[in-house]
Amino acid sequence: MTDVAVIGLGAMGAATLYQLAARGARVVGIDRFAPPHDQGSSHGESRITRQAVGEGGAYAPLVLRSHAIWRELEAATGASLLNACGGLIIGPVDRASSHHAKPDFLRRTVAVAERFGIAHEVLDRAAMGVRFPQFTGLAPDDMACFEPGAGYVNPEACVAAQLSEAQRLGAEVLTGVTVAGIEHTGGAVRIDTTRGPIRADRVVVAAGAWTVPLLGAPFDRLLTVTRQMLHWFPAEDPAAYQPGRFPVFIRMYGATDQDYFYGFPISAGAPGVKLATEQYEIQTTADAPWHTVDPAEGAAMHSLHIAGRLAGITPVATRSVACVYTSTPDADFLIDAHPAMDRVMVVSACSGHGFKHSAAIGEAVAETTLTGRSTIDLAPFGLHRFS
């Protein structure tokens, strides 16, 4: 018997486990692998973090708090988690564009920065060319929002730090354990696992791509899993792509969510500039063989998105890695009680932009689980919007 069991220990689960343990709860974390691992969404060396979030104002309090938590964790553990190297959002202002299902993403980003007092600069095409000559092929109506406090976090290090702190504070972590099912029984929740049953007062399901196989309806009609690719390309002039000279960026150049790519400066030990895009049309499942990478995928990434838009990026990727995203129809998060099991909270469907918010989501979910309310409002991410 435990107070809370957390199923899945990736971005959201590790953060929730840590925050529950910090509040003195008896808590058990369960993962079918040994996190941090490369079997889901929380791997690949770096994840963009930006406080001026064009996805909407409901997200800004989460990422602002997450930055504070990561700095607290850095001080407590000595780990390096957050690199605020600056972030650039580039897009057209006179043509249609979209990112994470949000049209006019650049203006939305600026609006959130202004609303929350987040330091930023709006750069026209000429200013971008002077400040960041690495970006080529800019259109006449391209503009950018530069946020000096944006940057990237190390997902593996963030997960490891939170799990380590959770265990130091008394949490139990079960790895290599698969959850076969959960059910309400006798005023608690029974969790059937490959290591035997666990009985918890409450359960948090942060299982990512395994949410649908575990929970079924209604999540089977709301969540989709897609395979995504991350590529590292060498630069002819690596110095031009170092932190301090080159920011993290999102560049939109067309009307749809697929007409864009994003990237990072060269981090320590990386084999090149990390660049990626997103696709949401070809679906997969958590247990499908999505890990295998065809070299042609890197070549296609370069020819479709990078060529003519970034200076001096060679066309052959030196490393490529696959991961999976779990998404909702509107590309917003899903954080809510299970509609048929009120002792079970579902924290999933990060929709490709969740890691930057994960530390604060873990805190808010821990607060909600233990007290019934959270400091940051989670209502915008509820199931009610799909009724």
Protein backbone atom coordinates (compact mmCIF):
# COMPACT_ATOMS: atom_id res chain seq x y z
CA MET A 1 0.00 0.00 0.00
CA THR A 2 1.31 3.43 -0.92
CA ASP A 3 -0.10 6.95 -1.01
CA VAL A 4 0.55 7.53 -4.71
CA ALA A 5 1.87 5.40 -7.55
CA VAL A 6 3.28 7.09 -10.65
CA ILE A 7 3.17 4.99 -13.82
CA GLY A 8 5.78 6.09 -16.35
CA LEU A 9 8.95 7.94 -15.35
CA GLY A 10 9.76 10.11 -18.34
CA ALA A 11 9.47 13.90 -18.34
CA MET A 12 6.13 14.16 -16.56
CA GLY A 13 6.40 11.08 -14.37
CA ALA A 14 9.88 11.83 -13.02
CA ALA A 15 8.85 15.40 -12.20
CA THR A 16 5.67 14.24 -10.47
CA LEU A 17 7.49 11.58 -8.46
CA TYR A 18 10.06 14.12 -7.26
CA GLN A 19 7.43 16.67 -6.25
CA LEU A 20 5.34 14.08 -4.41
CA ALA A 21 8.37 12.83 -2.50
CA ALA A 22 9.35 16.42 -1.66
CA ARG A 23 5.94 16.82 -0.01
CA GLY A 24 6.43 13.77 2.19
CA ALA A 25 4.09 11.39 0.37
CA ARG A 26 4.75 7.66 0.31
CA VAL A 27 5.23 7.20 -3.40
CA VAL A 28 6.22 4.49 -5.84
CA GLY A 29 7.36 5.14 -9.42
CA ILE A 30 7.02 2.40 -12.04
CA ASP A 31 8.61 2.18 -15.49
CA ARG A 32 8.88 -0.71 -17.93
CA PHE A 33 12.42 0.41 -18.82
CA ALA A 34 15.22 2.06 -16.81
CA PRO A 35 14.86 5.83 -17.15
CA PRO A 36 16.30 7.98 -18.47
CA HIS A 37 15.97 5.83 -21.60
CA ASP A 38 15.46 6.20 -25.35
CA GLN A 39 12.17 4.33 -25.69
CA GLY A 40 9.73 7.25 -25.60
CA SER A 41 9.83 11.03 -25.87
CA SER A 42 12.38 12.12 -23.25
CA HIS A 43 15.73 11.61 -24.92
CA GLY A 44 17.98 13.09 -27.58
CA GLU A 45 20.37 15.39 -25.69
CA SER A 46 18.33 18.61 -25.79
CA ARG A 47 14.82 20.05 -25.77
CA ILE A 48 13.96 23.66 -26.57
CA THR A 49 12.65 25.77 -23.72
CA ARG A 50 11.04 29.15 -24.40
CA GLN A 51 9.10 31.24 -21.93
CA ALA A 52 7.23 33.27 -24.55
CA VAL A 53 5.14 30.32 -25.69
CA GLY A 54 3.11 30.91 -28.82
CA GLU A 55 0.93 27.94 -27.92
CA GLY A 56 -0.91 30.25 -25.50
CA GLY A 57 -0.84 32.11 -22.22
CA ALA A 58 -1.99 29.07 -20.22
CA TYR A 59 1.47 27.60 -20.74
CA ALA A 60 3.57 30.58 -19.67
CA PRO A 61 3.20 30.09 -15.87
CA LEU A 62 4.28 26.48 -16.32
CA VAL A 63 7.49 27.20 -18.20
CA LEU A 64 8.39 30.14 -15.96
CA ARG A 65 8.05 27.92 -12.90
CA SER A 66 9.90 25.07 -14.64
CA HIS A 67 12.94 27.30 -15.18
CA ALA A 68 12.98 28.08 -11.45
CA ILE A 69 12.69 24.39 -10.52
CA TRP A 70 15.54 23.39 -12.83
CA ARG A 71 17.77 26.04 -11.27
CA GLU A 72 16.82 24.70 -7.83
CA LEU A 73 17.68 21.18 -8.96
CA GLU A 74 20.99 22.35 -10.38
CA ALA A 75 21.88 23.87 -7.04
CA ALA A 76 20.82 20.73 -5.16
CA THR A 77 22.47 18.14 -7.41
CA GLY A 78 25.32 19.91 -9.22
CA ALA A 79 23.87 18.77 -12.54
CA SER A 80 23.78 21.08 -15.57
CA LEU A 81 20.18 21.13 -16.78
CA LEU A 82 19.32 24.47 -18.43
CA ASN A 83 21.36 26.43 -20.96
CA ALA A 84 19.79 29.85 -21.58
CA CYS A 85 21.55 30.48 -24.88
CA GLY A 86 18.66 32.51 -26.35
CA GLY A 87 15.85 31.51 -28.67
CA LEU A 88 14.63 32.78 -32.02
CA ILE A 89 11.13 32.26 -33.45
CA ILE A 90 11.11 33.08 -37.18
CA GLY A 91 8.02 33.31 -39.34
CA PRO A 92 6.15 35.28 -41.98
CA VAL A 93 3.90 38.16 -40.98
CA ASP A 94 2.06 38.65 -44.26
CA ARG A 95 1.43 34.97 -45.10
CA ALA A 96 -0.28 32.08 -43.34
CA SER A 97 1.79 29.95 -40.98
CA SER A 98 1.11 27.49 -38.19
CA HIS A 99 2.96 25.68 -35.44
CA HIS A 100 1.50 23.15 -32.99
CA ALA A 101 -1.90 23.81 -34.56
CA LYS A 102 -1.72 27.51 -33.64
CA PRO A 103 -1.95 29.93 -36.59
CA ASP A 104 0.11 33.12 -36.70
CA PHE A 105 2.49 31.60 -34.19
CA LEU A 106 5.03 34.43 -34.35
CA ARG A 107 2.53 37.13 -33.35
CA ARG A 108 1.16 34.83 -30.64
CA THR A 109 4.69 34.46 -29.27
CA VAL A 110 5.17 38.23 -29.11
CA ALA A 111 1.76 38.66 -27.45
CA VAL A 112 2.64 36.17 -24.68
CA ALA A 113 6.01 37.87 -24.15
CA GLU A 114 4.30 41.23 -23.74
CA ARG A 115 1.55 39.88 -21.49
CA PHE A 116 3.94 38.18 -19.06
CA GLY A 117 6.75 40.73 -19.17
CA ILE A 118 9.22 38.29 -20.77
CA ALA A 119 12.32 39.97 -22.18
CA HIS A 120 12.32 39.86 -25.97
CA GLU A 121 13.18 41.72 -29.15
CA VAL A 122 11.29 41.82 -32.43
CA LEU A 123 13.72 41.65 -35.36
CA ASP A 124 12.94 42.42 -38.99
CA ARG A 125 14.62 40.62 -41.86
CA ALA A 126 17.53 43.03 -42.03
CA ALA A 127 18.23 42.86 -38.31
CA MET A 128 18.16 39.07 -38.41
CA GLY A 129 20.68 39.07 -41.24
CA VAL A 130 23.09 41.16 -39.22
CA ARG A 131 22.61 39.40 -35.86
CA PHE A 132 22.28 35.82 -37.13
CA PRO A 133 23.84 35.44 -40.59
CA GLN A 134 23.56 31.65 -40.29
CA PHE A 135 19.93 31.97 -41.46
CA THR A 136 19.71 32.29 -45.23
CA GLY A 137 16.88 32.46 -47.73
CA LEU A 138 14.77 34.76 -45.60
CA ALA A 139 11.56 35.98 -47.25
CA PRO A 140 10.73 39.71 -47.44
CA ASP A 141 8.00 39.38 -44.79
CA ASP A 142 10.00 37.22 -42.39
CA MET A 143 10.34 38.57 -38.87
CA ALA A 144 11.55 37.07 -35.61
CA CYS A 145 11.09 37.23 -31.87
CA PHE A 146 14.36 36.82 -29.99
CA GLU A 147 14.06 35.76 -26.36
CA PRO A 148 17.39 35.94 -24.48
CA GLY A 149 16.12 33.74 -21.64
CA ALA A 150 15.16 30.86 -23.92
CA GLY A 151 17.48 27.98 -24.62
CA TYR A 152 17.53 24.24 -24.07
CA VAL A 153 17.36 21.66 -21.32
CA ASN A 154 19.02 18.25 -21.23
CA PRO A 155 16.13 15.77 -21.01
CA GLU A 156 18.12 12.78 -19.81
CA ALA A 157 19.84 14.85 -17.11
CA CYS A 158 16.53 16.40 -15.98
CA VAL A 159 14.87 13.00 -15.65
CA ALA A 160 17.88 11.53 -13.84
CA ALA A 161 18.16 14.46 -11.41
CA GLN A 162 14.49 14.31 -10.44
CA LEU A 163 14.50 10.55 -9.99
CA SER A 164 17.66 10.75 -7.91
CA GLU A 165 16.19 13.46 -5.69
CA ALA A 166 12.91 11.56 -5.41
CA GLN A 167 14.74 8.47 -4.16
CA ARG A 168 16.82 10.54 -1.75
CA LEU A 169 13.56 11.85 -0.33
CA GLY A 170 12.17 8.35 0.14
CA ALA A 171 10.45 7.43 -3.12
CA GLU A 172 10.67 3.85 -4.34
CA VAL A 173 11.49 3.37 -8.03
CA LEU A 174 10.60 0.12 -9.79
CA THR A 175 12.25 -0.27 -13.20
CA GLY A 176 11.84 -3.06 -15.70
CA VAL A 177 8.27 -3.45 -14.43
CA THR A 178 5.27 -3.43 -16.78
CA VAL A 179 1.79 -2.39 -15.65
CA ALA A 180 -0.85 -4.74 -17.03
CA GLY A 181 -3.91 -2.91 -15.73
CA ILE A 182 -5.41 -0.64 -13.08
CA GLU A 183 -8.83 -0.60 -11.41
CA HIS A 184 -10.70 1.05 -8.57
CA THR A 185 -11.26 -1.39 -5.75
CA GLY A 186 -12.23 -0.92 -2.12
CA GLY A 187 -11.62 2.83 -1.96
CA ALA A 188 -8.18 2.58 -3.54
CA VAL A 189 -6.57 1.67 -6.85
CA ARG A 190 -5.15 -1.74 -7.64
CA ILE A 191 -2.23 -1.81 -10.06
CA ASP A 192 -1.40 -5.18 -11.60
CA THR A 193 2.28 -5.38 -12.56
CA THR A 194 4.74 -8.01 -13.70
CA ARG A 195 6.19 -7.86 -10.17
CA GLY A 196 2.84 -8.34 -8.47
CA PRO A 197 -0.03 -6.06 -7.40
CA ILE A 198 0.38 -2.61 -5.89
CA ARG A 199 -2.40 -0.88 -3.95
CA ALA A 200 -2.36 2.93 -3.96
CA ASP A 201 -4.64 5.59 -2.60
CA ARG A 202 -4.14 7.51 -5.84
CA VAL A 203 -2.41 6.94 -9.17
CA VAL A 204 -0.82 9.25 -11.72
CA VAL A 205 -0.55 7.81 -15.22
CA ALA A 206 2.25 9.49 -17.17
CA ALA A 207 2.76 6.66 -19.62
CA GLY A 208 3.07 8.67 -22.83
CA ALA A 209 2.68 6.42 -25.85
CA TRP A 210 1.55 3.53 -23.59
CA THR A 211 -1.44 5.48 -22.24
CA VAL A 212 -3.95 4.13 -24.75
CA PRO A 213 -2.95 0.44 -24.36
CA LEU A 214 -3.18 0.85 -20.59
CA LEU A 215 -6.34 2.94 -20.25
CA GLY A 216 -8.39 2.37 -23.41
CA ALA A 217 -11.50 4.56 -23.83
CA PRO A 218 -11.89 7.50 -24.08
CA PHE A 219 -8.18 8.02 -24.65
CA ASP A 220 -8.11 5.70 -27.65
CA ARG A 221 -10.07 8.29 -29.64
CA LEU A 222 -8.16 11.30 -28.30
CA LEU A 223 -4.49 10.33 -28.41
CA THR A 224 -2.32 9.55 -31.41
CA VAL A 225 1.30 8.41 -31.45
CA THR A 226 3.64 9.57 -34.19
CA ARG A 227 7.27 8.79 -34.93
CA GLN A 228 9.63 11.78 -35.03
CA MET A 229 13.24 12.14 -36.16
CA LEU A 230 16.20 14.08 -34.71
CA HIS A 231 19.30 14.64 -36.85
CA TRP A 232 22.79 16.00 -36.20
CA PHE A 233 24.53 17.62 -39.18
CA PRO A 234 28.16 18.83 -39.25
CA ALA A 235 28.74 22.54 -39.92
CA GLU A 236 31.47 23.79 -42.24
CA ASP A 237 32.21 26.46 -39.64
CA PRO A 238 31.41 24.90 -36.24
CA ALA A 239 32.33 28.12 -34.43
CA ALA A 240 29.36 29.87 -36.06
CA TYR A 241 26.98 27.41 -34.42
CA GLN A 242 28.26 27.54 -30.85
CA PRO A 243 26.08 28.73 -27.94
CA GLY A 244 26.48 32.48 -27.67
CA ARG A 245 26.65 32.90 -31.43
CA PHE A 246 23.71 30.72 -32.42
CA PRO A 247 20.40 30.34 -30.54
CA VAL A 248 17.83 27.60 -30.41
CA PHE A 249 15.27 28.39 -33.09
CA ILE A 250 11.96 27.55 -34.68
CA ARG A 251 11.64 28.62 -38.30
CA MET A 252 8.28 28.60 -40.08
CA TYR A 253 8.36 29.19 -43.82
CA GLY A 254 5.00 27.90 -45.10
CA ALA A 255 1.34 27.61 -44.28
CA THR A 256 1.16 24.24 -42.49
CA ASP A 257 2.57 22.65 -39.35
CA GLN A 258 4.94 20.64 -41.56
CA ASP A 259 6.47 23.73 -43.21
CA TYR A 260 8.97 24.39 -40.48
CA PHE A 261 12.05 23.08 -38.74
CA TYR A 262 13.86 23.75 -35.48
CA GLY A 263 17.37 23.43 -34.14
CA PHE A 264 20.03 23.96 -31.51
CA PRO A 265 23.58 25.24 -31.21
CA ILE A 266 26.30 22.59 -31.02
CA SER A 267 26.34 21.34 -27.44
CA ALA A 268 29.40 19.85 -25.76
CA GLY A 269 30.30 16.51 -27.34
CA ALA A 270 27.56 16.70 -29.99
CA PRO A 271 28.42 15.48 -33.51
CA GLY A 272 26.97 18.59 -35.17
CA VAL A 273 24.02 20.95 -35.26
CA LYS A 274 20.89 19.19 -34.05
CA LEU A 275 17.98 19.84 -36.45
CA ALA A 276 14.50 18.37 -36.72
CA THR A 277 10.96 18.87 -37.93
CA GLU A 278 7.66 17.22 -36.99
CA GLN A 279 5.14 15.06 -38.80
CA TYR A 280 1.68 14.09 -37.58
CA GLU A 281 0.23 12.21 -40.54
CA ILE A 282 1.90 8.79 -40.17
CA GLN A 283 0.88 7.15 -36.91
CA THR A 284 2.54 4.36 -34.97
CA THR A 285 2.28 2.65 -31.58
CA ALA A 286 4.54 2.50 -28.56
CA ASP A 287 5.65 -1.07 -29.26
CA ALA A 288 6.02 -0.78 -33.03
CA PRO A 289 9.57 -0.99 -34.51
CA TRP A 290 9.94 2.79 -34.83
CA HIS A 291 13.55 2.96 -33.61
CA THR A 292 15.24 1.92 -36.87
CA VAL A 293 16.55 4.88 -38.86
CA ASP A 294 17.09 4.93 -42.63
CA PRO A 295 19.97 7.21 -43.76
CA ALA A 296 17.62 8.50 -46.43
CA GLU A 297 15.62 10.20 -43.68
CA GLY A 298 18.52 12.51 -42.88
CA ALA A 299 19.02 13.30 -46.56
CA ALA A 300 15.33 14.13 -46.93
CA MET A 301 15.46 16.38 -43.85
CA HIS A 302 18.33 18.35 -45.38
CA SER A 303 16.86 18.70 -48.85
CA LEU A 304 13.31 19.58 -47.75
CA HIS A 305 14.02 21.92 -44.85
CA ILE A 306 17.66 22.88 -44.36
CA ALA A 307 19.13 23.48 -47.82
CA GLY A 308 18.99 27.18 -48.63
CA ARG A 309 17.88 28.11 -45.12
CA LEU A 310 20.98 27.48 -42.96
CA ALA A 311 24.47 28.38 -44.10
CA GLY A 312 27.22 25.77 -44.24
CA ILE A 313 25.28 22.74 -42.99
CA THR A 314 26.63 19.66 -44.74
CA PRO A 315 24.02 17.33 -46.29
CA VAL A 316 24.91 14.05 -44.56
CA ALA A 317 23.74 13.54 -40.98
CA THR A 318 26.34 12.02 -38.67
CA ARG A 319 23.68 10.87 -36.23
CA SER A 320 19.92 10.31 -36.41
CA VAL A 321 17.58 9.21 -33.61
CA ALA A 322 13.87 8.44 -33.53
CA CYS A 323 11.40 9.21 -30.76
CA VAL A 324 7.61 9.23 -30.41
CA TYR A 325 5.14 11.99 -29.62
CA THR A 326 1.71 11.45 -28.10
CA SER A 327 -0.72 14.16 -29.22
CA THR A 328 -4.28 15.37 -28.79
CA PRO A 329 -6.50 16.62 -31.65
CA ASP A 330 -5.86 20.28 -30.75
CA ALA A 331 -2.14 19.77 -29.92
CA ASP A 332 -2.68 20.96 -26.35
CA PHE A 333 -1.91 18.92 -23.25
CA LEU A 334 -4.20 16.48 -21.50
CA ILE A 335 -4.00 16.64 -17.70
CA ASP A 336 -7.13 15.50 -15.89
CA ALA A 337 -8.77 12.85 -13.76
CA HIS A 338 -9.79 9.66 -15.52
CA PRO A 339 -13.53 10.04 -16.28
CA ALA A 340 -14.36 6.62 -14.82
CA MET A 341 -11.72 6.46 -12.03
CA ASP A 342 -11.51 9.67 -10.04
CA ARG A 343 -8.50 8.44 -8.07
CA VAL A 344 -6.48 8.19 -11.29
CA MET A 345 -4.97 11.32 -12.84
CA VAL A 346 -3.82 11.16 -16.46
CA VAL A 347 -0.84 13.30 -17.42
CA SER A 348 0.01 12.70 -21.04
CA ALA A 349 -0.24 13.87 -24.59
CA CYS A 350 2.50 16.49 -24.48
CA SER A 351 1.87 16.95 -28.21
CA GLY A 352 5.50 17.62 -29.04
CA HIS A 353 6.04 20.63 -26.79
CA GLY A 354 5.83 19.31 -23.25
CA PHE A 355 9.32 18.95 -21.86
CA LYS A 356 9.85 22.66 -21.22
CA HIS A 357 6.79 22.61 -18.93
CA SER A 358 7.36 19.25 -17.26
CA ALA A 359 9.00 20.35 -14.01
CA ALA A 360 6.08 22.65 -13.14
CA ILE A 361 3.48 20.16 -14.34
CA GLY A 362 4.98 17.64 -11.94
CA GLU A 363 4.60 20.18 -9.14
CA ALA A 364 1.01 21.07 -10.09
CA VAL A 365 0.02 17.41 -10.43
CA ALA A 366 1.57 16.61 -7.04
CA GLU A 367 -0.35 19.48 -5.46
CA THR A 368 -3.61 18.37 -7.09
CA THR A 369 -3.11 14.75 -6.13
CA LEU A 370 -2.41 15.52 -2.47
CA THR A 371 -4.65 18.55 -1.84
CA GLY A 372 -7.18 18.69 -4.66
CA ARG A 373 -5.89 22.00 -6.04
CA SER A 374 -2.78 23.42 -7.66
CA THR A 375 -1.05 26.79 -7.64
CA ILE A 376 -1.02 26.88 -11.46
CA ASP A 377 -4.38 26.38 -13.16
CA LEU A 378 -4.56 23.06 -15.03
CA ALA A 379 -8.18 23.50 -16.16
CA PRO A 380 -7.24 24.51 -19.75
CA PHE A 381 -5.80 21.02 -20.22
CA GLY A 382 -8.88 19.10 -19.11
CA LEU A 383 -10.92 16.46 -20.91
CA HIS A 384 -13.98 18.73 -20.95
CA ARG A 385 -12.83 20.42 -24.15
CA PHE A 386 -13.36 17.18 -26.10
CA SER A 387 -16.91 16.56 -24.88
